[in-house]
Amino acid sequence: MNGSQLNTPDAPYTRIPTTVLAPPEGTPSFAIGGLDKSFKHQYANIYFMRLHALRKFVEDKAKRRWGHIDGTYYTSLRWNLAESRTGNPKSVPRVLEIEKGQLSYVIGTVYMDMPLKPNVLDDIARDHSIPAPSPQAKYHSADDDTMLEDESGRIRLVGDCLKSTQLVTGIIIGALGIETNAGDFEVVDICFAGMAPQAVRDHKDPETTMDVDAAQSSSSLGSDEWLAVVSGLDIGAPSYPDGQLQMLAEYLTGESGGLDEQLGASRISRLIIAGNSLATMSTSTEDVDKKSRRYGQEASTFSPHPIRNLSDYLTDIARSMPIHLLPGPSDPTGTLLPQQPLPRAMFGAVASYSSFSCETNPTYLYVSASCTRSEDEHPSPPSTGKPSGSKTTTSTTKPIFNPTATLGSGVAYERSILAHSGQPMDDMFRYLPSPPVSRLSIAEKTLKWRHFAPTAPDTLWCHPFLRHEPFVIQETPDIYIIGNQPVFKTKLVRGEVEEDEDGGGGAAKRCRIILVPKFRESGVVVLVNLRTLQVRTVCAAVQGMTTGSGP
């Protein structure tokens, strides 16, 4: 055989198909419509709806945790008050009904009173002739106070327990303690709602150990379906490494590497871009002054080249696999959460592909896949890579998410995915000291809080919802994706045994948390096995190609 002859597979490699399912009934929608479009409503409605939605779960957890303890132990150990009443702790329905000297527990919303936190009243009262101070990197300080409030009022929380507990504004907690002579509520223990119920799975539960291996070849992906996740492309940024993005497109489409790499790429069923696809557009006043004016109007400094470049890359990938595009803080869309989908028309040719989907930020995705193939079998190509005008589409109705469904003689497994572009994480990180608090630990806490954006609307801008609170986690997702983070981190979180009593049919709850780094700075693509929830990383860059301060 001629040594220059290229190796070719015995049969052409084809993409493994997966199906996007319609969300189950009760799944919150992040699309803004109807009354939610109005800004006449008070933001207090969000806190009332949040407390109403999570109070029952926190109360049930508090009763199981504190309902049968001996109050004598706490009163003698913590306060040594002769007038304190002993016995089991008393459940207090409202904050203002707490009795002094009575060991009790109460459910409410946390409010962090922080001097470094931005205050809209201070912004209105300040002298606008003086430039505003730069935003704080951290709101945390030694002068912070923790409050607990409900519909009736507010009380200050004190105690050593608060120093070891991660708390941010907006979470719903149960606090066990006693009111002091100063009128404060000294806390000895805190409980949360716990992980939300999760649908029963028929497949084998994934391993508890985290599988992250960037050194293995792509052929080690096996025959399972994999999900590719990337964020922070930042196309249009100064000194952008175009070769890095080209390597990403060639890897996902199977145009780079040898047979092993191409086989591994064929196992990737779809791509999620978690925000910041375009860089923040910067305007230079010097350039504007140099340009001539027409009829007294300044010449536009807008350049369409970043959007065109992004459209070209997306078109190359959409021919091969489905793409889910989420907006981010630097993308040309509204800043209020939930961010609405980017207009398809702005992406040119890729807009005609049904495999290209513009999603909200945050978004829920429900994906179905089948694990009936062997290692030597080649999957049939997906039908979603053709333009939407193709006549191959026979139905527009999506099947409904059902995690126990089966397809023929093989097992079909379905995965629920919660993804956002990182704004809630960045805002919560400002509330807490780091170290010891890490972004991964905060992400794990949001599952136990059953809320992934608790600081909205206090310091995280969001719409003033009137009828529902969409950021409450009603069902624990299988995969929890957070984009635009400084470094890659992942963890497989499992629910506690006692938490299985509130739902989920007694099955173990587990969720794969993934912090996706910025691609422009790291060149990292995250791959998730949809069957086992194992994670791999691929670096689509070479030394000296990336820019920025990432790893």
Protein backbone atom coordinates (compact mmCIF):
# COMPACT_ATOMS: atom_id res chain seq x y z
CA MET A 1 0.00 0.00 0.00
CA ASN A 2 1.23 3.50 -0.80
CA GLY A 3 2.53 5.16 2.34
CA SER A 4 0.94 8.47 1.38
CA GLN A 5 -2.54 6.96 1.11
CA LEU A 6 -4.95 8.25 3.75
CA ASN A 7 -6.75 5.83 6.03
CA THR A 8 -10.50 5.72 5.48
CA PRO A 9 -13.16 4.05 7.64
CA ASP A 10 -14.91 0.92 6.40
CA ALA A 11 -18.21 2.77 6.62
CA PRO A 12 -18.80 6.53 6.83
CA TYR A 13 -19.13 7.92 10.32
CA THR A 14 -22.52 9.49 11.04
CA ARG A 15 -23.73 11.68 13.88
CA ILE A 16 -25.53 10.04 16.79
CA PRO A 17 -29.09 11.41 16.88
CA THR A 18 -30.81 12.74 19.97
CA THR A 19 -34.26 14.29 20.28
CA VAL A 20 -35.36 17.44 22.07
CA LEU A 21 -38.57 16.76 24.01
CA ALA A 22 -41.34 19.08 25.07
CA PRO A 23 -41.02 20.06 28.74
CA PRO A 24 -43.29 18.25 31.20
CA GLU A 25 -46.32 20.01 32.58
CA GLY A 26 -45.47 22.53 35.27
CA THR A 27 -42.00 23.36 33.96
CA PRO A 28 -41.45 27.13 34.36
CA SER A 29 -41.18 29.09 31.13
CA PHE A 30 -38.62 31.84 30.75
CA ALA A 31 -40.34 33.41 27.76
CA ILE A 32 -41.71 36.85 28.64
CA GLY A 33 -45.30 37.31 27.56
CA GLY A 34 -48.66 38.61 28.67
CA LEU A 35 -48.67 40.42 32.01
CA ASP A 36 -44.97 39.76 32.55
CA LYS A 37 -44.11 42.28 29.83
CA SER A 38 -45.39 45.10 32.01
CA PHE A 39 -43.11 46.99 34.39
CA LYS A 40 -45.98 48.36 36.47
CA HIS A 41 -45.78 45.55 39.03
CA GLN A 42 -43.88 45.71 42.29
CA TYR A 43 -40.81 43.52 42.70
CA ALA A 44 -42.10 42.53 46.15
CA ASN A 45 -44.41 40.07 44.39
CA ILE A 46 -41.39 37.94 43.51
CA TYR A 47 -40.41 37.53 47.16
CA PHE A 48 -43.99 36.72 48.17
CA MET A 49 -44.33 34.08 45.44
CA ARG A 50 -40.93 32.61 46.32
CA LEU A 51 -41.81 32.30 49.99
CA HIS A 52 -45.19 30.79 49.13
CA ALA A 53 -43.61 28.26 46.76
CA LEU A 54 -40.88 27.05 49.15
CA ARG A 55 -42.35 27.54 52.63
CA LYS A 56 -43.99 24.10 52.77
CA PHE A 57 -40.79 22.26 51.81
CA VAL A 58 -38.72 24.15 54.38
CA GLU A 59 -41.36 23.54 57.07
CA ASP A 60 -41.40 19.80 56.36
CA LYS A 61 -37.61 19.72 56.54
CA ALA A 62 -37.63 21.70 59.80
CA LYS A 63 -40.18 19.37 61.42
CA ARG A 64 -38.12 16.30 60.54
CA ARG A 65 -34.94 17.99 61.73
CA TRP A 66 -36.10 19.71 64.92
CA GLY A 67 -39.55 18.36 65.74
CA HIS A 68 -38.35 15.77 68.27
CA ILE A 69 -35.26 17.33 69.80
CA ASP A 70 -35.04 18.21 73.48
CA GLY A 71 -35.20 21.96 73.85
CA THR A 72 -33.66 21.71 77.34
CA TYR A 73 -30.32 20.84 75.76
CA TYR A 74 -30.23 23.94 73.59
CA THR A 75 -31.39 26.37 76.28
CA SER A 76 -28.87 25.10 78.80
CA LEU A 77 -26.01 24.87 76.33
CA ARG A 78 -26.49 28.06 74.35
CA TRP A 79 -28.22 30.59 76.59
CA ASN A 80 -28.44 29.25 80.15
CA LEU A 81 -31.63 31.27 80.67
CA ALA A 82 -33.54 30.43 83.83
CA GLU A 83 -36.77 31.84 82.42
CA SER A 84 -36.57 29.89 79.15
CA ARG A 85 -39.26 27.31 78.58
CA THR A 86 -38.11 23.78 77.88
CA GLY A 87 -39.58 21.10 75.66
CA ASN A 88 -39.72 20.63 71.93
CA PRO A 89 -39.09 23.73 69.78
CA LYS A 90 -42.19 25.63 68.81
CA SER A 91 -43.03 26.36 65.19
CA VAL A 92 -43.75 30.07 64.78
CA PRO A 93 -45.86 30.94 61.71
CA ARG A 94 -44.66 34.56 61.43
CA VAL A 95 -41.51 36.45 62.32
CA LEU A 96 -43.30 39.00 64.52
CA GLU A 97 -44.94 36.21 66.57
CA ILE A 98 -41.64 34.97 68.02
CA GLU A 99 -41.84 34.86 71.82
CA LYS A 100 -38.88 35.95 73.90
CA GLY A 101 -37.25 33.10 75.81
CA GLN A 102 -39.03 30.40 73.79
CA LEU A 103 -36.93 28.03 71.70
CA SER A 104 -38.63 28.08 68.32
CA TYR A 105 -38.08 27.94 64.60
CA VAL A 106 -39.44 30.23 61.91
CA ILE A 107 -39.49 30.21 58.10
CA GLY A 108 -38.60 33.33 56.14
CA THR A 109 -36.59 35.04 53.43
CA VAL A 110 -32.97 36.04 54.03
CA TYR A 111 -31.99 39.64 53.43
CA MET A 112 -28.32 40.60 53.65
CA ASP A 113 -27.86 44.19 54.82
CA MET A 114 -24.45 45.05 53.35
CA PRO A 115 -22.90 48.51 53.34
CA LEU A 116 -20.91 47.71 50.17
CA LYS A 117 -23.95 46.49 48.26
CA PRO A 118 -25.32 48.92 45.64
CA ASN A 119 -28.35 50.87 46.83
CA VAL A 120 -30.72 52.54 44.40
CA LEU A 121 -31.70 55.17 46.98
CA ASP A 122 -28.08 56.18 47.37
CA ASP A 123 -27.75 56.45 43.60
CA ILE A 124 -30.73 58.80 43.45
CA ALA A 125 -29.51 60.96 46.36
CA ARG A 126 -25.88 61.31 45.30
CA ASP A 127 -24.47 64.31 43.45
CA HIS A 128 -24.59 63.35 39.77
CA SER A 129 -21.95 65.94 38.91
CA ILE A 130 -19.45 63.60 40.58
CA PRO A 131 -18.65 60.34 38.76
CA ALA A 132 -20.17 57.27 40.38
CA PRO A 133 -17.77 54.95 42.20
CA SER A 134 -16.72 51.79 40.43
CA PRO A 135 -18.74 48.70 41.35
CA GLN A 136 -17.42 46.57 44.19
CA ALA A 137 -15.84 43.22 43.38
CA LYS A 138 -17.21 41.91 46.70
CA TYR A 139 -20.19 43.01 48.78
CA HIS A 140 -19.02 41.01 51.80
CA SER A 141 -17.57 42.91 54.78
CA ALA A 142 -17.34 42.64 58.58
CA ASP A 143 -20.24 45.09 59.00
CA ASP A 144 -22.85 42.91 57.29
CA ASP A 145 -26.12 42.05 59.04
CA THR A 146 -28.35 39.06 58.27
CA MET A 147 -32.11 39.61 58.40
CA LEU A 148 -35.04 37.20 58.21
CA GLU A 149 -38.32 38.55 56.90
CA ASP A 150 -41.77 37.46 55.81
CA GLU A 151 -45.12 39.13 55.17
CA SER A 152 -45.32 40.38 58.77
CA GLY A 153 -41.92 41.97 59.33
CA ARG A 154 -38.19 41.48 59.79
CA ILE A 155 -35.84 40.36 62.57
CA ARG A 156 -32.06 40.36 62.76
CA LEU A 157 -30.27 37.02 62.98
CA VAL A 158 -27.17 36.61 65.13
CA GLY A 159 -25.07 33.68 66.30
CA ASP A 160 -21.96 31.70 65.47
CA CYS A 161 -24.01 29.44 63.21
CA LEU A 162 -24.22 32.19 60.60
CA LYS A 163 -20.44 32.37 60.23
CA SER A 164 -20.22 28.83 58.86
CA THR A 165 -23.34 28.98 56.66
CA GLN A 166 -23.38 30.36 53.13
CA LEU A 167 -26.26 32.82 52.92
CA VAL A 168 -27.23 35.33 50.25
CA THR A 169 -30.22 37.60 49.83
CA GLY A 170 -33.40 35.92 48.68
CA ILE A 171 -33.05 32.32 49.86
CA ILE A 172 -35.80 30.70 51.96
CA ILE A 173 -34.55 29.17 55.22
CA GLY A 174 -35.77 27.73 58.49
CA ALA A 175 -33.97 29.15 61.54
CA LEU A 176 -33.93 27.48 64.96
CA GLY A 177 -33.12 29.74 67.89
CA ILE A 178 -34.37 32.02 70.61
CA GLU A 179 -35.05 35.74 70.83
CA THR A 180 -32.55 37.57 73.00
CA ASN A 181 -33.18 40.50 75.34
CA ALA A 182 -31.84 42.84 72.63
CA GLY A 183 -34.61 41.74 70.26
CA ASP A 184 -32.32 39.71 67.98
CA PHE A 185 -32.90 36.06 67.06
CA GLU A 186 -29.89 33.98 68.02
CA VAL A 187 -29.65 31.04 65.62
CA VAL A 188 -28.24 27.63 66.50
CA ASP A 189 -29.23 25.72 63.36
CA ILE A 190 -30.45 26.42 59.82
CA CYS A 191 -32.21 24.22 57.29
CA PHE A 192 -33.12 24.64 53.63
CA ALA A 193 -35.73 23.12 51.35
CA GLY A 194 -33.28 20.48 50.11
CA MET A 195 -32.90 19.15 46.59
CA ALA A 196 -36.13 19.14 44.61
CA PRO A 197 -37.76 15.85 43.59
CA GLN A 198 -36.37 14.07 40.58
CA ALA A 199 -38.11 11.69 38.21
CA VAL A 200 -37.40 7.97 38.62
CA ARG A 201 -34.77 6.63 36.22
CA ASP A 202 -34.69 3.11 34.81
CA HIS A 203 -31.05 3.17 33.75
CA LYS A 204 -28.08 2.36 35.93
CA ASP A 205 -27.10 5.21 38.20
CA PRO A 206 -23.78 6.87 37.31
CA GLU A 207 -20.70 6.43 39.41
CA THR A 208 -20.23 8.77 42.34
CA THR A 209 -16.67 9.62 41.35
CA MET A 210 -16.05 12.51 39.01
CA ASP A 211 -14.74 11.38 35.63
CA VAL A 212 -12.75 14.20 34.08
CA ASP A 213 -9.94 13.26 31.75
CA ALA A 214 -8.68 15.61 29.09
CA ALA A 215 -5.72 13.46 28.13
CA GLN A 216 -7.54 10.49 26.66
CA SER A 217 -8.25 10.29 22.97
CA SER A 218 -11.64 11.03 21.48
CA SER A 219 -12.12 7.36 20.63
CA SER A 220 -12.57 6.68 24.36
CA LEU A 221 -15.98 8.37 24.14
CA GLY A 222 -17.39 4.93 23.35
CA SER A 223 -20.81 4.43 21.83
CA ASP A 224 -22.78 6.72 24.16
CA GLU A 225 -24.22 10.06 23.20
CA TRP A 226 -22.25 13.07 24.36
CA LEU A 227 -23.20 16.70 24.78
CA ALA A 228 -20.71 19.47 23.95
CA VAL A 229 -20.85 22.69 25.98
CA VAL A 230 -18.90 25.87 25.37
CA SER A 231 -19.27 29.50 26.49
CA GLY A 232 -17.55 32.84 26.15
CA LEU A 233 -16.59 32.74 22.46
CA ASP A 234 -16.33 36.57 22.58
CA ILE A 235 -16.13 36.96 18.82
CA GLY A 236 -15.21 40.54 17.97
CA ALA A 237 -12.91 41.08 20.93
CA PRO A 238 -9.54 42.75 20.28
CA SER A 239 -6.75 40.36 19.24
CA TYR A 240 -9.19 37.48 18.96
CA PRO A 241 -7.56 34.07 18.23
CA ASP A 242 -9.51 33.07 15.09
CA GLY A 243 -7.52 29.86 14.74
CA GLN A 244 -8.83 28.65 18.10
CA LEU A 245 -12.45 28.98 16.98
CA GLN A 246 -11.62 27.30 13.67
CA MET A 247 -10.16 24.35 15.57
CA LEU A 248 -13.39 24.11 17.57
CA ALA A 249 -15.53 24.03 14.44
CA GLU A 250 -13.32 21.44 12.76
CA TYR A 251 -13.30 19.23 15.85
CA LEU A 252 -17.08 19.26 16.26
CA THR A 253 -17.69 18.59 12.56
CA GLY A 254 -15.13 15.76 12.45
CA GLU A 255 -12.85 17.51 9.97
CA SER A 256 -9.72 17.39 12.12
CA GLY A 257 -7.57 14.57 13.44
CA GLY A 258 -7.39 10.94 12.45
CA LEU A 259 -9.97 8.19 12.40
CA ASP A 260 -10.09 7.93 16.19
CA GLU A 261 -10.78 11.64 16.60
CA GLN A 262 -13.41 11.58 13.87
CA LEU A 263 -15.11 8.59 15.47
CA GLY A 264 -15.15 10.37 18.81
CA ALA A 265 -16.59 13.52 17.23
CA SER A 266 -19.42 11.48 15.74
CA ARG A 267 -20.51 10.58 19.28
CA ILE A 268 -21.25 14.25 20.06
CA SER A 269 -24.96 14.67 19.46
CA ARG A 270 -25.47 18.42 19.99
CA LEU A 271 -23.81 21.65 21.09
CA ILE A 272 -24.84 24.18 23.77
CA ILE A 273 -23.30 27.66 23.63
CA ALA A 274 -23.87 29.14 27.10
CA GLY A 275 -23.72 32.87 26.42
CA ASN A 276 -21.26 35.61 25.42
CA SER A 277 -20.90 34.48 21.82
CA LEU A 278 -20.16 38.10 20.87
CA ALA A 279 -17.82 40.45 22.68
CA THR A 280 -19.04 43.68 24.20
CA MET A 281 -19.07 46.32 21.51
CA SER A 282 -16.78 49.20 22.41
CA THR A 283 -16.97 52.61 20.78
CA SER A 284 -14.09 55.05 20.55
CA THR A 285 -14.91 58.75 20.60
CA GLU A 286 -11.63 59.51 18.83
CA ASP A 287 -12.63 57.40 15.84
CA VAL A 288 -16.03 59.11 15.71
CA ASP A 289 -14.46 62.57 15.66
CA LYS A 290 -12.18 61.61 12.80
CA LYS A 291 -15.07 60.47 10.59
CA SER A 292 -17.00 62.95 8.56
CA ARG A 293 -20.54 63.82 9.54
CA ARG A 294 -23.51 63.84 7.24
CA TYR A 295 -26.32 66.25 7.90
CA GLY A 296 -25.13 66.77 11.46
CA GLN A 297 -25.34 63.09 12.42
CA GLU A 298 -22.38 61.12 13.68
CA ALA A 299 -21.24 58.23 11.54
CA SER A 300 -22.08 54.81 12.93
CA THR A 301 -19.27 52.86 14.57
CA PHE A 302 -21.13 49.55 14.42
CA SER A 303 -19.36 46.74 12.59
CA PRO A 304 -21.30 43.69 11.32
CA HIS A 305 -18.17 41.57 10.99
CA PRO A 306 -18.37 39.81 14.41
CA ILE A 307 -21.96 38.68 13.75
CA ARG A 308 -21.04 37.52 10.25
CA ASN A 309 -18.08 35.55 11.56
CA LEU A 310 -20.24 33.93 14.23
CA SER A 311 -22.87 33.11 11.62
CA ASP A 312 -20.28 31.44 9.39
CA TYR A 313 -18.99 29.24 12.21
CA LEU A 314 -22.50 28.34 13.33
CA THR A 315 -23.48 27.44 9.78
CA ASP A 316 -20.55 25.03 9.48
CA ILE A 317 -21.49 23.33 12.76
CA ALA A 318 -25.26 23.35 12.18
CA ARG A 319 -24.78 21.27 9.02
CA SER A 320 -23.44 18.53 11.26
CA MET A 321 -25.23 18.80 14.62
CA PRO A 322 -27.98 20.72 16.46
CA ILE A 323 -26.97 23.94 18.23
CA HIS A 324 -28.61 25.64 21.21
CA LEU A 325 -27.53 29.27 21.52
CA LEU A 326 -28.09 31.12 24.81
CA PRO A 327 -27.60 34.89 25.13
CA GLY A 328 -25.18 36.28 27.67
CA PRO A 329 -24.34 39.60 29.33
CA SER A 330 -22.19 40.74 26.38
CA ASP A 331 -24.62 39.66 23.65
CA PRO A 332 -26.93 42.18 21.92
CA THR A 333 -30.07 41.51 23.93
CA GLY A 334 -31.78 42.81 27.08
CA THR A 335 -29.89 42.71 30.35
CA LEU A 336 -32.87 41.70 32.53
CA LEU A 337 -33.20 38.02 33.39
CA PRO A 338 -34.54 35.95 31.85
CA GLN A 339 -32.87 37.13 28.68
CA GLN A 340 -34.96 36.46 25.62
CA PRO A 341 -33.67 34.53 22.57
CA LEU A 342 -31.47 36.35 20.13
CA PRO A 343 -33.26 37.13 16.84
CA ARG A 344 -32.63 34.34 14.33
CA ALA A 345 -32.62 36.80 11.44
CA MET A 346 -29.35 38.35 12.61
CA PHE A 347 -27.42 35.11 11.99
CA GLY A 348 -27.78 34.92 8.23
CA ALA A 349 -27.62 31.52 6.58
CA VAL A 350 -27.71 29.44 9.77
CA ALA A 351 -31.17 30.85 10.55
CA SER A 352 -32.63 28.60 7.82
CA TYR A 353 -31.48 25.43 9.62
CA SER A 354 -33.93 23.71 11.93
CA SER A 355 -30.90 22.37 13.83
CA PHE A 356 -30.18 25.91 15.06
CA SER A 357 -32.18 27.03 18.11
CA CYS A 358 -32.04 30.36 19.91
CA GLU A 359 -32.89 29.77 23.57
CA THR A 360 -33.66 31.95 26.53
CA ASN A 361 -31.16 32.52 29.33
CA PRO A 362 -31.70 30.58 31.54
CA THR A 363 -33.35 27.65 29.79
CA TYR A 364 -34.52 24.09 30.37
CA LEU A 365 -33.73 21.43 27.77
CA TYR A 366 -35.04 17.87 27.73
CA VAL A 367 -33.10 15.43 25.55
CA SER A 368 -33.88 11.82 24.68
CA ALA A 369 -31.35 9.28 23.45
CA SER A 370 -31.21 5.52 22.91
CA CYS A 371 -28.37 3.22 23.99
CA THR A 372 -29.17 0.22 21.75
CA ARG A 373 -26.03 0.35 19.56
CA SER A 374 -22.89 -1.67 19.96
CA GLU A 375 -19.37 -0.28 19.56
CA ASP A 376 -19.15 -1.40 15.92
CA GLU A 377 -22.53 -0.15 14.82
CA HIS A 378 -22.88 3.16 13.06
CA PRO A 379 -25.85 5.32 14.04
CA SER A 380 -28.21 6.72 11.48
CA PRO A 381 -27.78 10.41 10.71
CA PRO A 382 -30.06 12.93 12.42
CA SER A 383 -32.71 14.68 10.38
CA THR A 384 -32.27 18.06 12.08
CA GLY A 385 -29.27 19.25 10.10
CA LYS A 386 -31.22 20.38 7.05
CA PRO A 387 -32.72 23.79 6.43
CA SER A 388 -36.10 24.35 8.01
CA GLY A 389 -37.65 24.62 4.55
CA SER A 390 -36.88 20.97 3.80
CA LYS A 391 -39.85 18.65 3.22
CA THR A 392 -38.37 15.88 5.34
CA THR A 393 -40.09 17.19 8.48
CA THR A 394 -43.29 15.24 9.07
CA SER A 395 -44.41 16.52 12.46
CA THR A 396 -43.95 19.69 14.49
CA THR A 397 -45.21 18.25 17.78
CA LYS A 398 -42.48 17.27 20.24
CA PRO A 399 -42.93 14.19 22.45
CA ILE A 400 -43.26 15.02 26.14
CA PHE A 401 -40.39 14.38 28.55
CA ASN A 402 -40.80 10.96 30.17
CA PRO A 403 -37.67 9.61 31.91
CA THR A 404 -38.98 6.03 32.05
CA ALA A 405 -39.76 5.72 28.34
CA THR A 406 -38.43 2.87 26.18
CA LEU A 407 -37.82 2.58 22.47
CA GLY A 408 -38.39 -0.85 21.02
CA SER A 409 -36.14 -3.51 22.48
CA GLY A 410 -33.57 -1.01 23.67
CA VAL A 411 -33.59 1.38 26.58
CA ALA A 412 -34.24 5.05 25.96
CA TYR A 413 -32.93 7.43 28.58
CA GLU A 414 -33.91 11.05 28.88
CA ARG A 415 -32.02 13.90 30.48
CA SER A 416 -33.18 17.23 31.87
CA ILE A 417 -30.74 20.13 31.50
CA LEU A 418 -30.77 23.49 33.26
CA ALA A 419 -28.37 25.99 31.69
CA HIS A 420 -27.63 29.66 32.14
CA SER A 421 -24.86 32.05 31.12
CA GLY A 422 -23.45 32.72 34.58
CA GLN A 423 -24.98 36.02 35.75
CA PRO A 424 -26.65 34.50 38.86
CA MET A 425 -23.40 32.80 39.86
CA ASP A 426 -21.32 35.95 39.38
CA ASP A 427 -23.75 37.94 41.53
CA MET A 428 -23.96 35.38 44.36
CA PHE A 429 -20.17 35.13 44.43
CA ARG A 430 -19.98 38.81 45.45
CA TYR A 431 -21.98 38.10 48.62
CA LEU A 432 -19.62 35.50 50.07
CA PRO A 433 -15.98 35.51 51.18
CA SER A 434 -13.59 33.58 48.96
CA PRO A 435 -11.79 31.62 50.12
CA PRO A 436 -13.20 29.50 51.68
CA VAL A 437 -16.33 29.75 49.49
CA SER A 438 -15.94 28.57 45.90
CA ARG A 439 -18.20 28.89 42.88
CA LEU A 440 -18.70 25.14 42.81
CA SER A 441 -19.89 25.11 46.42
CA ILE A 442 -22.33 27.93 45.64
CA ALA A 443 -23.73 25.98 42.69
CA GLU A 444 -24.26 22.99 44.96
CA LYS A 445 -26.02 25.19 47.50
CA THR A 446 -28.46 26.50 44.89
CA LEU A 447 -29.75 22.96 44.43
CA LYS A 448 -30.37 22.67 48.16
CA TRP A 449 -31.96 26.12 48.22
CA ARG A 450 -34.17 25.07 45.26
CA HIS A 451 -33.41 28.40 43.67
CA PHE A 452 -30.63 29.24 41.23
CA ALA A 453 -30.99 33.05 41.18
CA PRO A 454 -31.98 34.11 44.72
CA THR A 455 -30.31 37.54 44.55
CA ALA A 456 -32.81 38.63 41.87
CA PRO A 457 -34.26 41.22 41.97
CA ASP A 458 -32.13 42.79 44.74
CA THR A 459 -28.74 42.98 43.00
CA LEU A 460 -29.46 40.83 39.93
CA TRP A 461 -31.75 42.53 37.43
CA CYS A 462 -34.84 40.59 36.40
CA HIS A 463 -38.37 41.15 35.13
CA PRO A 464 -41.06 41.99 37.74
CA PHE A 465 -43.02 38.76 37.46
CA LEU A 466 -46.58 38.90 38.74
CA ARG A 467 -48.03 35.38 38.48
CA HIS A 468 -45.07 33.03 38.92
CA GLU A 469 -41.45 32.87 40.06
CA PRO A 470 -39.55 31.04 37.29
CA PHE A 471 -36.20 30.73 39.08
CA VAL A 472 -37.47 28.22 41.66
CA ILE A 473 -36.13 24.72 40.93
CA GLN A 474 -39.22 22.52 40.86
CA GLU A 475 -37.40 19.39 39.70
CA THR A 476 -33.72 18.60 40.14
CA PRO A 477 -32.10 18.57 36.69
CA ASP A 478 -29.76 15.81 35.59
CA ILE A 479 -27.26 18.34 34.22
CA TYR A 480 -26.74 21.84 35.62
CA ILE A 481 -24.66 24.06 33.31
CA ILE A 482 -23.24 27.44 34.34
CA GLY A 483 -21.39 29.32 31.62
CA ASN A 484 -18.67 31.99 31.50
CA GLN A 485 -16.82 30.95 34.65
CA PRO A 486 -13.13 31.62 35.36
CA VAL A 487 -12.11 27.94 35.40
CA PHE A 488 -13.62 24.56 34.66
CA LYS A 489 -15.10 22.69 37.63
CA THR A 490 -17.57 19.84 37.94
CA LYS A 491 -19.16 17.71 40.63
CA LEU A 492 -21.81 15.00 40.83
CA VAL A 493 -24.14 16.05 43.65
CA ARG A 494 -26.40 13.52 45.36
CA GLY A 495 -29.40 14.22 47.57
CA GLU A 496 -29.45 13.12 51.17
CA VAL A 497 -31.39 10.02 52.12
CA GLU A 498 -33.88 11.96 54.22
CA GLU A 499 -34.68 14.22 51.28
CA ASP A 500 -36.18 11.30 49.38
CA GLU A 501 -39.29 11.51 51.54
CA ASP A 502 -40.60 14.63 49.78
CA GLY A 503 -40.73 13.15 46.29
CA GLY A 504 -38.87 11.30 43.58
CA GLY A 505 -40.32 7.88 44.36
CA GLY A 506 -37.49 7.05 46.76
CA ALA A 507 -34.87 7.11 44.01
CA ALA A 508 -31.52 8.72 44.68
CA LYS A 509 -31.35 12.29 43.41
CA ARG A 510 -28.23 13.32 41.60
CA CYS A 511 -27.17 16.23 39.44
CA ARG A 512 -24.03 16.85 37.44
CA ILE A 513 -22.88 20.44 38.02
CA ILE A 514 -20.62 21.89 35.32
CA LEU A 515 -18.88 25.25 35.47
CA VAL A 516 -17.95 26.01 31.86
CA PRO A 517 -14.92 28.30 31.38
CA LYS A 518 -14.69 31.11 28.86
CA PHE A 519 -13.57 29.58 25.57
CA ARG A 520 -11.64 32.64 24.42
CA GLU A 521 -9.40 32.48 27.49
CA SER A 522 -9.17 28.71 28.00
CA GLY A 523 -9.96 27.01 24.70
CA VAL A 524 -11.83 24.33 26.69
CA VAL A 525 -14.82 22.41 25.37
CA VAL A 526 -16.74 20.34 27.94
CA LEU A 527 -18.21 16.98 26.91
CA VAL A 528 -20.94 15.31 28.99
CA ASN A 529 -21.96 11.68 28.62
CA LEU A 530 -25.76 11.75 28.48
CA ARG A 531 -26.04 8.20 29.84
CA THR A 532 -23.50 8.12 32.67
CA LEU A 533 -23.12 11.89 33.29
CA GLN A 534 -19.35 11.52 33.11
CA VAL A 535 -17.43 14.57 31.93
CA ARG A 536 -14.44 15.04 29.63
CA THR A 537 -12.69 18.19 28.45
CA VAL A 538 -11.07 18.94 25.12
CA CYS A 539 -8.68 21.85 24.62
CA ALA A 540 -9.16 23.35 21.17
CA ALA A 541 -6.10 25.57 21.36
CA VAL A 542 -2.32 25.48 21.32
CA GLN A 543 0.15 27.34 23.46
CA GLY A 544 0.29 31.02 22.62
CA MET A 545 -2.97 30.97 20.67
CA THR A 546 -5.33 32.11 23.44
CA THR A 547 -5.58 35.64 24.76
CA GLY A 548 -6.72 37.07 28.05
CA SER A 549 -6.00 36.05 31.62
CA GLY A 550 -7.65 32.62 31.66
CA PRO A 551 -5.95 29.36 32.57
